[in-house]
Amino acid sequence: MIQDVDTLVEYLKRRFEVDKIFLVGHSWGARLGLYSVQRHPENYIAYVGVGQELAAYEGELLSYQYTLDKAKEQNNVKAINDLEESGPPQSGGFK
């Protein structure tokens, strides 16, 4: 994904005949924007992050637990088994 951002930035710089651009990233795109600015700060006049995710791992953990609780509440055996097999996220990822 980050390579896609880099490719698009190079296209925009050529298309508008500029050396640097403004970048706005929203939600998950805010993370991509940060990575891109870190990798190639020379491409940007400014960066604005909107609706950035905070505590992503904690959010994933809460989502997992909520989903498992709902599956148990509805006695959804397949969902319970699938969720318990994958387990909660570890360091921001799943098995």
PDB file of N, CA and C in Angstrom:
ATOM      1  N   MET A   1       0.827  -1.198   0.000  1.00  0.00           N
ATOM      2  CA  MET A   1       0.000   0.000   0.000  1.00  0.00           C
ATOM      3  C   MET A   1       0.867   1.257   0.000  1.00  0.00           C
ATOM      4  N   ILE A   2       1.937   1.242   0.785  1.00  0.00           N
ATOM      5  CA  ILE A   2       2.762   2.444   0.857  1.00  0.00           C
ATOM      6  C   ILE A   2       3.405   2.733  -0.492  1.00  0.00           C
ATOM      7  N   GLN A   3       3.728   1.693  -1.243  1.00  0.00           N
ATOM      8  CA  GLN A   3       4.282   1.896  -2.585  1.00  0.00           C
ATOM      9  C   GLN A   3       3.253   2.573  -3.482  1.00  0.00           C
ATOM     10  N   ASP A   4       1.975   2.250  -3.303  1.00  0.00           N
ATOM     11  CA  ASP A   4       0.918   2.911  -4.072  1.00  0.00           C
ATOM     12  C   ASP A   4       0.886   4.407  -3.780  1.00  0.00           C
ATOM     13  N   VAL A   5       1.058   4.768  -2.513  1.00  0.00           N
ATOM     14  CA  VAL A   5       1.094   6.189  -2.141  1.00  0.00           C
ATOM     15  C   VAL A   5       2.271   6.864  -2.830  1.00  0.00           C
ATOM     16  N   ASP A   6       3.432   6.238  -2.775  1.00  0.00           N
ATOM     17  CA  ASP A   6       4.622   6.815  -3.406  1.00  0.00           C
ATOM     18  C   ASP A   6       4.416   7.003  -4.908  1.00  0.00           C
ATOM     19  N   THR A   7       3.825   6.016  -5.558  1.00  0.00           N
ATOM     20  CA  THR A   7       3.568   6.094  -6.998  1.00  0.00           C
ATOM     21  C   THR A   7       2.599   7.225  -7.321  1.00  0.00           C
ATOM     22  N   LEU A   8       1.537   7.344  -6.537  1.00  0.00           N
ATOM     23  CA  LEU A   8       0.561   8.408  -6.758  1.00  0.00           C
ATOM     24  C   LEU A   8       1.179   9.783  -6.542  1.00  0.00           C
ATOM     25  N   VAL A   9       1.998   9.922  -5.525  1.00  0.00           N
ATOM     26  CA  VAL A   9       2.651  11.205  -5.246  1.00  0.00           C
ATOM     27  C   VAL A   9       3.534  11.608  -6.423  1.00  0.00           C
ATOM     28  N   GLU A  10       4.299  10.673  -6.947  1.00  0.00           N
ATOM     29  CA  GLU A  10       5.159  10.988  -8.094  1.00  0.00           C
ATOM     30  C   GLU A  10       4.321  11.401  -9.301  1.00  0.00           C
ATOM     31  N   TYR A  11       3.206  10.716  -9.528  1.00  0.00           N
ATOM     32  CA  TYR A  11       2.306  11.085 -10.623  1.00  0.00           C
ATOM     33  C   TYR A  11       1.772  12.506 -10.434  1.00  0.00           C
ATOM     34  N   LEU A  12       1.309  12.819  -9.232  1.00  0.00           N
ATOM     35  CA  LEU A  12       0.745  14.148  -8.968  1.00  0.00           C
ATOM     36  C   LEU A  12       1.785  15.245  -9.136  1.00  0.00           C
ATOM     37  N   LYS A  13       2.991  14.994  -8.702  1.00  0.00           N
ATOM     38  CA  LYS A  13       4.062  15.986  -8.860  1.00  0.00           C
ATOM     39  C   LYS A  13       4.328  16.262 -10.342  1.00  0.00           C
ATOM     40  N   ARG A  14       4.358  15.213 -11.162  1.00  0.00           N
ATOM     41  CA  ARG A  14       4.555  15.406 -12.610  1.00  0.00           C
ATOM     42  C   ARG A  14       3.351  16.091 -13.239  1.00  0.00           C
ATOM     43  N   ARG A  15       2.165  15.624 -12.880  1.00  0.00           N
ATOM     44  CA  ARG A  15       0.923  16.141 -13.481  1.00  0.00           C
ATOM     45  C   ARG A  15       0.756  17.633 -13.232  1.00  0.00           C
ATOM     46  N   PHE A  16       1.062  18.093 -12.025  1.00  0.00           N
ATOM     47  CA  PHE A  16       0.867  19.497 -11.670  1.00  0.00           C
ATOM     48  C   PHE A  16       2.163  20.304 -11.693  1.00  0.00           C
ATOM     49  N   GLU A  17       3.235  19.652 -12.137  1.00  0.00           N
ATOM     50  CA  GLU A  17       4.528  20.315 -12.295  1.00  0.00           C
ATOM     51  C   GLU A  17       4.962  21.041 -11.022  1.00  0.00           C
ATOM     52  N   VAL A  18       4.968  20.276  -9.931  1.00  0.00           N
ATOM     53  CA  VAL A  18       5.394  20.805  -8.633  1.00  0.00           C
ATOM     54  C   VAL A  18       6.426  19.854  -8.028  1.00  0.00           C
ATOM     55  N   ASP A  19       7.213  20.387  -7.104  1.00  0.00           N
ATOM     56  CA  ASP A  19       8.219  19.565  -6.431  1.00  0.00           C
ATOM     57  C   ASP A  19       7.683  18.897  -5.172  1.00  0.00           C
ATOM     58  N   LYS A  20       6.641  19.517  -4.576  1.00  0.00           N
ATOM     59  CA  LYS A  20       6.080  19.004  -3.326  1.00  0.00           C
ATOM     60  C   LYS A  20       4.565  19.146  -3.362  1.00  0.00           C
ATOM     61  N   ILE A  21       3.892  18.310  -2.576  1.00  0.00           N
ATOM     62  CA  ILE A  21       2.432  18.372  -2.502  1.00  0.00           C
ATOM     63  C   ILE A  21       1.988  18.423  -1.040  1.00  0.00           C
ATOM     64  N   PHE A  22       0.722  18.779  -0.848  1.00  0.00           N
ATOM     65  CA  PHE A  22       0.065  18.646   0.450  1.00  0.00           C
ATOM     66  C   PHE A  22      -0.526  17.240   0.494  1.00  0.00           C
ATOM     67  N   LEU A  23      -0.516  16.622   1.654  1.00  0.00           N
ATOM     68  CA  LEU A  23      -1.086  15.289   1.803  1.00  0.00           C
ATOM     69  C   LEU A  23      -2.053  15.287   2.970  1.00  0.00           C
ATOM     70  N   VAL A  24      -3.256  14.756   2.729  1.00  0.00           N
ATOM     71  CA  VAL A  24      -4.252  14.571   3.783  1.00  0.00           C
ATOM     72  C   VAL A  24      -4.552  13.079   3.854  1.00  0.00           C
ATOM     73  N   GLY A  25      -4.479  12.520   5.059  1.00  0.00           N
ATOM     74  CA  GLY A  25      -4.818  11.117   5.264  1.00  0.00           C
ATOM     75  C   GLY A  25      -5.945  11.006   6.268  1.00  0.00           C
ATOM     76  N   HIS A  26      -6.942  10.182   5.943  1.00  0.00           N
ATOM     77  CA  HIS A  26      -8.088  10.006   6.837  1.00  0.00           C
ATOM     78  C   HIS A  26      -8.150   8.565   7.325  1.00  0.00           C
ATOM     79  N   SER A  27      -8.420   8.392   8.614  1.00  0.00           N
ATOM     80  CA  SER A  27      -8.579   7.082   9.240  1.00  0.00           C
ATOM     81  C   SER A  27      -7.328   6.238   9.008  1.00  0.00           C
ATOM     82  N   TRP A  28      -7.483   5.063   8.393  1.00  0.00           N
ATOM     83  CA  TRP A  28      -6.328   4.215   8.150  1.00  0.00           C
ATOM     84  C   TRP A  28      -5.357   4.887   7.179  1.00  0.00           C
ATOM     85  N   GLY A  29      -5.883   5.728   6.304  1.00  0.00           N
ATOM     86  CA  GLY A  29      -5.033   6.482   5.386  1.00  0.00           C
ATOM     87  C   GLY A  29      -4.117   7.450   6.110  1.00  0.00           C
ATOM     88  N   ALA A  30      -4.491   7.848   7.321  1.00  0.00           N
ATOM     89  CA  ALA A  30      -3.616   8.716   8.113  1.00  0.00           C
ATOM     90  C   ALA A  30      -2.335   7.974   8.471  1.00  0.00           C
ATOM     91  N   ARG A  31      -2.447   6.687   8.737  1.00  0.00           N
ATOM     92  CA  ARG A  31      -1.257   5.880   9.027  1.00  0.00           C
ATOM     93  C   ARG A  31      -0.383   5.762   7.780  1.00  0.00           C
ATOM     94  N   LEU A  32      -1.015   5.500   6.635  1.00  0.00           N
ATOM     95  CA  LEU A  32      -0.247   5.439   5.389  1.00  0.00           C
ATOM     96  C   LEU A  32       0.442   6.765   5.109  1.00  0.00           C
ATOM     97  N   GLY A  33      -0.274   7.851   5.368  1.00  0.00           N
ATOM     98  CA  GLY A  33       0.313   9.171   5.161  1.00  0.00           C
ATOM     99  C   GLY A  33       1.542   9.390   6.023  1.00  0.00           C
ATOM    100  N   LEU A  34       1.450   9.002   7.276  1.00  0.00           N
ATOM    101  CA  LEU A  34       2.606   9.139   8.168  1.00  0.00           C
ATOM    102  C   LEU A  34       3.801   8.343   7.662  1.00  0.00           C
ATOM    103  N   TYR A  35       3.546   7.115   7.241  1.00  0.00           N
ATOM    104  CA  TYR A  35       4.640   6.294   6.719  1.00  0.00           C
ATOM    105  C   TYR A  35       5.273   6.939   5.495  1.00  0.00           C
ATOM    106  N   SER A  36       4.427   7.463   4.619  1.00  0.00           N
ATOM    107  CA  SER A  36       4.943   8.076   3.395  1.00  0.00           C
ATOM    108  C   SER A  36       5.768   9.319   3.698  1.00  0.00           C
ATOM    109  N   VAL A  37       5.282  10.146   4.602  1.00  0.00           N
ATOM    110  CA  VAL A  37       6.012  11.362   4.972  1.00  0.00           C
ATOM    111  C   VAL A  37       7.336  11.005   5.648  1.00  0.00           C
ATOM    112  N   GLN A  38       7.336   9.965   6.457  1.00  0.00           N
ATOM    113  CA  GLN A  38       8.584   9.530   7.094  1.00  0.00           C
ATOM    114  C   GLN A  38       9.594   9.037   6.062  1.00  0.00           C
ATOM    115  N   ARG A  39       9.103   8.313   5.071  1.00  0.00           N
ATOM    116  CA  ARG A  39       9.994   7.747   4.048  1.00  0.00           C
ATOM    117  C   ARG A  39      10.525   8.792   3.084  1.00  0.00           C
ATOM    118  N   HIS A  40       9.660   9.753   2.716  1.00  0.00           N
ATOM    119  CA  HIS A  40      10.024  10.733   1.685  1.00  0.00           C
ATOM    120  C   HIS A  40       9.562  12.140   2.062  1.00  0.00           C
ATOM    121  N   PRO A  41      10.115  12.718   3.111  1.00  0.00           N
ATOM    122  CA  PRO A  41       9.682  14.063   3.522  1.00  0.00           C
ATOM    123  C   PRO A  41       9.920  15.116   2.443  1.00  0.00           C
ATOM    124  N   GLU A  42      10.851  14.850   1.551  1.00  0.00           N
ATOM    125  CA  GLU A  42      11.153  15.808   0.485  1.00  0.00           C
ATOM    126  C   GLU A  42       9.993  15.992  -0.495  1.00  0.00           C
ATOM    127  N   ASN A  43       8.996  15.110  -0.460  1.00  0.00           N
ATOM    128  CA  ASN A  43       7.862  15.185  -1.385  1.00  0.00           C
ATOM    129  C   ASN A  43       6.706  16.045  -0.888  1.00  0.00           C
ATOM    130  N   TYR A  44       6.777  16.532   0.347  1.00  0.00           N
ATOM    131  CA  TYR A  44       5.592  17.136   0.954  1.00  0.00           C
ATOM    132  C   TYR A  44       5.827  18.549   1.466  1.00  0.00           C
ATOM    133  N   ILE A  45       4.829  19.399   1.208  1.00  0.00           N
ATOM    134  CA  ILE A  45       4.795  20.734   1.809  1.00  0.00           C
ATOM    135  C   ILE A  45       4.290  20.596   3.234  1.00  0.00           C
ATOM    136  N   ALA A  46       3.202  19.824   3.377  1.00  0.00           N
ATOM    137  CA  ALA A  46       2.590  19.622   4.688  1.00  0.00           C
ATOM    138  C   ALA A  46       1.780  18.332   4.662  1.00  0.00           C
ATOM    139  N   TYR A  47       1.536  17.810   5.843  1.00  0.00           N
ATOM    140  CA  TYR A  47       0.727  16.606   6.015  1.00  0.00           C
ATOM    141  C   TYR A  47      -0.338  16.892   7.064  1.00  0.00           C
ATOM    142  N   VAL A  48      -1.575  16.469   6.783  1.00  0.00           N
ATOM    143  CA  VAL A  48      -2.678  16.616   7.734  1.00  0.00           C
ATOM    144  C   VAL A  48      -3.304  15.239   7.933  1.00  0.00           C
ATOM    145  N   GLY A  49      -3.367  14.804   9.186  1.00  0.00           N
ATOM    146  CA  GLY A  49      -4.024  13.548   9.517  1.00  0.00           C
ATOM    147  C   GLY A  49      -5.388  13.831  10.124  1.00  0.00           C
ATOM    148  N   VAL A  50      -6.417  13.156   9.607  1.00  0.00           N
ATOM    149  CA  VAL A  50      -7.792  13.371  10.067  1.00  0.00           C
ATOM    150  C   VAL A  50      -8.374  12.027  10.506  1.00  0.00           C
ATOM    151  N   GLY A  51      -9.016  12.001  11.665  1.00  0.00           N
ATOM    152  CA  GLY A  51      -9.665  10.771  12.127  1.00  0.00           C
ATOM    153  C   GLY A  51      -8.673   9.638  12.322  1.00  0.00           C
ATOM    154  N   GLN A  52      -7.516   9.976  12.846  1.00  0.00           N
ATOM    155  CA  GLN A  52      -6.473   8.972  13.028  1.00  0.00           C
ATOM    156  C   GLN A  52      -6.883   7.948  14.071  1.00  0.00           C
ATOM    157  N   GLU A  53      -6.448   6.724  13.836  1.00  0.00           N
ATOM    158  CA  GLU A  53      -6.718   5.683  14.816  1.00  0.00           C
ATOM    159  C   GLU A  53      -5.790   5.865  16.007  1.00  0.00           C
ATOM    160  N   LEU A  54      -6.344   5.649  17.165  1.00  0.00           N
ATOM    161  CA  LEU A  54      -5.563   5.701  18.395  1.00  0.00           C
ATOM    162  C   LEU A  54      -5.677   4.348  19.065  1.00  0.00           C
ATOM    163  N   ALA A  55      -4.608   3.888  19.623  1.00  0.00           N
ATOM    164  CA  ALA A  55      -4.607   2.610  20.347  1.00  0.00           C
ATOM    165  C   ALA A  55      -5.212   1.503  19.488  1.00  0.00           C
ATOM    166  N   ALA A  56      -4.658   1.313  18.295  1.00  0.00           N
ATOM    167  CA  ALA A  56      -5.199   0.343  17.340  1.00  0.00           C
ATOM    168  C   ALA A  56      -5.267  -1.060  17.930  1.00  0.00           C
ATOM    169  N   TYR A  57      -4.211  -1.493  18.603  1.00  0.00           N
ATOM    170  CA  TYR A  57      -4.210  -2.842  19.167  1.00  0.00           C
ATOM    171  C   TYR A  57      -5.328  -3.003  20.193  1.00  0.00           C
ATOM    172  N   GLU A  58      -5.476  -2.017  21.061  1.00  0.00           N
ATOM    173  CA  GLU A  58      -6.521  -2.094  22.079  1.00  0.00           C
ATOM    174  C   GLU A  58      -7.903  -2.142  21.431  1.00  0.00           C
ATOM    175  N   GLY A  59      -8.083  -1.401  20.350  1.00  0.00           N
ATOM    176  CA  GLY A  59      -9.351  -1.430  19.621  1.00  0.00           C
ATOM    177  C   GLY A  59      -9.635  -2.795  19.021  1.00  0.00           C
ATOM    178  N   GLU A  60      -8.603  -3.423  18.454  1.00  0.00           N
ATOM    179  CA  GLU A  60      -8.766  -4.768  17.900  1.00  0.00           C
ATOM    180  C   GLU A  60      -9.112  -5.772  18.999  1.00  0.00           C
ATOM    181  N   LEU A  61      -8.467  -5.630  20.137  1.00  0.00           N
ATOM    182  CA  LEU A  61      -8.732  -6.529  21.259  1.00  0.00           C
ATOM    183  C   LEU A  61     -10.173  -6.368  21.757  1.00  0.00           C
ATOM    184  N   LEU A  62     -10.628  -5.129  21.888  1.00  0.00           N
ATOM    185  CA  LEU A  62     -12.012  -4.881  22.301  1.00  0.00           C
ATOM    186  C   LEU A  62     -12.999  -5.439  21.281  1.00  0.00           C
ATOM    187  N   SER A  63     -12.711  -5.258  19.997  1.00  0.00           N
ATOM    188  CA  SER A  63     -13.594  -5.775  18.944  1.00  0.00           C
ATOM    189  C   SER A  63     -13.674  -7.298  18.992  1.00  0.00           C
ATOM    190  N   TYR A  64     -12.535  -7.934  19.185  1.00  0.00           N
ATOM    191  CA  TYR A  64     -12.508  -9.395  19.286  1.00  0.00           C
ATOM    192  C   TYR A  64     -13.371  -9.862  20.457  1.00  0.00           C
ATOM    193  N   GLN A  65     -13.168  -9.266  21.618  1.00  0.00           N
ATOM    194  CA  GLN A  65     -13.900  -9.696  22.808  1.00  0.00           C
ATOM    195  C   GLN A  65     -15.399  -9.440  22.660  1.00  0.00           C
ATOM    196  N   TYR A  66     -15.767  -8.299  22.083  1.00  0.00           N
ATOM    197  CA  TYR A  66     -17.181  -7.981  21.863  1.00  0.00           C
ATOM    198  C   TYR A  66     -17.812  -9.020  20.935  1.00  0.00           C
ATOM    199  N   THR A  67     -17.116  -9.341  19.844  1.00  0.00           N
ATOM    200  CA  THR A  67     -17.639 -10.302  18.877  1.00  0.00           C
ATOM    201  C   THR A  67     -17.787 -11.684  19.502  1.00  0.00           C
ATOM    202  N   LEU A  68     -16.803 -12.092  20.280  1.00  0.00           N
ATOM    203  CA  LEU A  68     -16.881 -13.384  20.963  1.00  0.00           C
ATOM    204  C   LEU A  68     -18.038 -13.401  21.961  1.00  0.00           C
ATOM    205  N   ASP A  69     -18.209 -12.327  22.716  1.00  0.00           N
ATOM    206  CA  ASP A  69     -19.319 -12.245  23.671  1.00  0.00           C
ATOM    207  C   ASP A  69     -20.663 -12.342  22.957  1.00  0.00           C
ATOM    208  N   LYS A  70     -20.810 -11.647  21.825  1.00  0.00           N
ATOM    209  CA  LYS A  70     -22.069 -11.697  21.066  1.00  0.00           C
ATOM    210  C   LYS A  70     -22.316 -13.097  20.511  1.00  0.00           C
ATOM    211  N   ALA A  71     -21.268 -13.748  20.026  1.00  0.00           N
ATOM    212  CA  ALA A  71     -21.413 -15.111  19.510  1.00  0.00           C
ATOM    213  C   ALA A  71     -21.891 -16.047  20.618  1.00  0.00           C
ATOM    214  N   LYS A  72     -21.341 -15.894  21.806  1.00  0.00           N
ATOM    215  CA  LYS A  72     -21.762 -16.730  22.940  1.00  0.00           C
ATOM    216  C   LYS A  72     -23.198 -16.412  23.343  1.00  0.00           C
ATOM    217  N   GLU A  73     -23.530 -15.123  23.349  1.00  0.00           N
ATOM    218  CA  GLU A  73     -24.890 -14.695  23.696  1.00  0.00           C
ATOM    219  C   GLU A  73     -25.909 -15.305  22.738  1.00  0.00           C
ATOM    220  N   GLN A  74     -25.549 -15.433  21.462  1.00  0.00           N
ATOM    221  CA  GLN A  74     -26.451 -15.973  20.440  1.00  0.00           C
ATOM    222  C   GLN A  74     -26.262 -17.477  20.233  1.00  0.00           C
ATOM    223  N   ASN A  75     -25.394 -18.071  21.043  1.00  0.00           N
ATOM    224  CA  ASN A  75     -25.087 -19.499  20.936  1.00  0.00           C
ATOM    225  C   ASN A  75     -24.682 -19.888  19.512  1.00  0.00           C
ATOM    226  N   ASN A  76     -23.867 -19.038  18.892  1.00  0.00           N
ATOM    227  CA  ASN A  76     -23.380 -19.275  17.537  1.00  0.00           C
ATOM    228  C   ASN A  76     -22.096 -20.105  17.635  1.00  0.00           C
ATOM    229  N   VAL A  77     -22.271 -21.419  17.620  1.00  0.00           N
ATOM    230  CA  VAL A  77     -21.166 -22.343  17.874  1.00  0.00           C
ATOM    231  C   VAL A  77     -20.049 -22.188  16.845  1.00  0.00           C
ATOM    232  N   LYS A  78     -20.403 -22.034  15.576  1.00  0.00           N
ATOM    233  CA  LYS A  78     -19.374 -21.893  14.544  1.00  0.00           C
ATOM    234  C   LYS A  78     -18.536 -20.643  14.783  1.00  0.00           C
ATOM    235  N   ALA A  79     -19.191 -19.527  15.055  1.00  0.00           N
ATOM    236  CA  ALA A  79     -18.452 -18.281  15.301  1.00  0.00           C
ATOM    237  C   ALA A  79     -17.574 -18.404  16.544  1.00  0.00           C
ATOM    238  N   ILE A  80     -18.114 -19.015  17.585  1.00  0.00           N
ATOM    239  CA  ILE A  80     -17.334 -19.204  18.821  1.00  0.00           C
ATOM    240  C   ILE A  80     -16.083 -20.030  18.524  1.00  0.00           C
ATOM    241  N   ASN A  81     -16.272 -21.146  17.824  1.00  0.00           N
ATOM    242  CA  ASN A  81     -15.130 -22.005  17.494  1.00  0.00           C
ATOM    243  C   ASN A  81     -14.101 -21.272  16.634  1.00  0.00           C
ATOM    244  N   ASP A  82     -14.572 -20.556  15.621  1.00  0.00           N
ATOM    245  CA  ASP A  82     -13.656 -19.817  14.739  1.00  0.00           C
ATOM    246  C   ASP A  82     -12.876 -18.763  15.515  1.00  0.00           C
ATOM    247  N   LEU A  83     -13.585 -18.013  16.350  1.00  0.00           N
ATOM    248  CA  LEU A  83     -12.924 -16.959  17.118  1.00  0.00           C
ATOM    249  C   LEU A  83     -11.932 -17.529  18.123  1.00  0.00           C
ATOM    250  N   GLU A  84     -12.343 -18.581  18.814  1.00  0.00           N
ATOM    251  CA  GLU A  84     -11.438 -19.177  19.802  1.00  0.00           C
ATOM    252  C   GLU A  84     -10.239 -19.844  19.132  1.00  0.00           C
ATOM    253  N   GLU A  85     -10.442 -20.366  17.930  1.00  0.00           N
ATOM    254  CA  GLU A  85      -9.326 -20.970  17.198  1.00  0.00           C
ATOM    255  C   GLU A  85      -8.302 -19.908  16.788  1.00  0.00           C
ATOM    256  N   SER A  86      -8.799 -18.774  16.306  1.00  0.00           N
ATOM    257  CA  SER A  86      -7.858 -17.714  15.901  1.00  0.00           C
ATOM    258  C   SER A  86      -7.268 -17.024  17.118  1.00  0.00           C
ATOM    259  N   GLY A  87      -8.049 -16.962  18.196  1.00  0.00           N
ATOM    260  CA  GLY A  87      -7.576 -16.312  19.414  1.00  0.00           C
ATOM    261  C   GLY A  87      -7.586 -14.801  19.290  1.00  0.00           C
ATOM    262  N   PRO A  88      -7.361 -14.128  20.403  1.00  0.00           N
ATOM    263  CA  PRO A  88      -7.336 -12.665  20.376  1.00  0.00           C
ATOM    264  C   PRO A  88      -6.113 -12.165  19.607  1.00  0.00           C
ATOM    265  N   PRO A  89      -6.155 -10.923  19.158  1.00  0.00           N
ATOM    266  CA  PRO A  89      -5.003 -10.382  18.433  1.00  0.00           C
ATOM    267  C   PRO A  89      -3.761 -10.368  19.321  1.00  0.00           C
ATOM    268  N   GLN A  90      -2.633 -10.611  18.705  1.00  0.00           N
ATOM    269  CA  GLN A  90      -1.341 -10.576  19.397  1.00  0.00           C
ATOM    270  C   GLN A  90      -0.502  -9.475  18.759  1.00  0.00           C
ATOM    271  N   SER A  91      -0.171  -8.471  19.522  1.00  0.00           N
ATOM    272  CA  SER A  91       0.656  -7.366  19.014  1.00  0.00           C
ATOM    273  C   SER A  91       0.055  -6.738  17.765  1.00  0.00           C
ATOM    274  N   GLY A  92      -1.262  -6.610  17.737  1.00  0.00           N
ATOM    275  CA  GLY A  92      -1.924  -5.935  16.630  1.00  0.00           C
ATOM    276  C   GLY A  92      -2.265  -6.809  15.449  1.00  0.00           C
ATOM    277  N   GLY A  93      -2.055  -8.120  15.543  1.00  0.00           N
ATOM    278  CA  GLY A  93      -2.373  -8.996  14.423  1.00  0.00           C
ATOM    279  C   GLY A  93      -3.075 -10.254  14.891  1.00  0.00           C
ATOM    280  N   PHE A  94      -3.617 -10.991  13.939  1.00  0.00           N
ATOM    281  CA  PHE A  94      -4.287 -12.252  14.230  1.00  0.00           C
ATOM    282  C   PHE A  94      -3.485 -13.385  13.620  1.00  0.00           C
ATOM    283  N   LYS A  95      -3.730 -14.615  14.085  1.00  0.00           N
ATOM    284  CA  LYS A  95      -3.068 -15.799  13.508  1.00  0.00           C
ATOM    285  C   LYS A  95      -3.489 -15.952  12.071  1.00  0.00           C
TER     286      LYS A  95
END
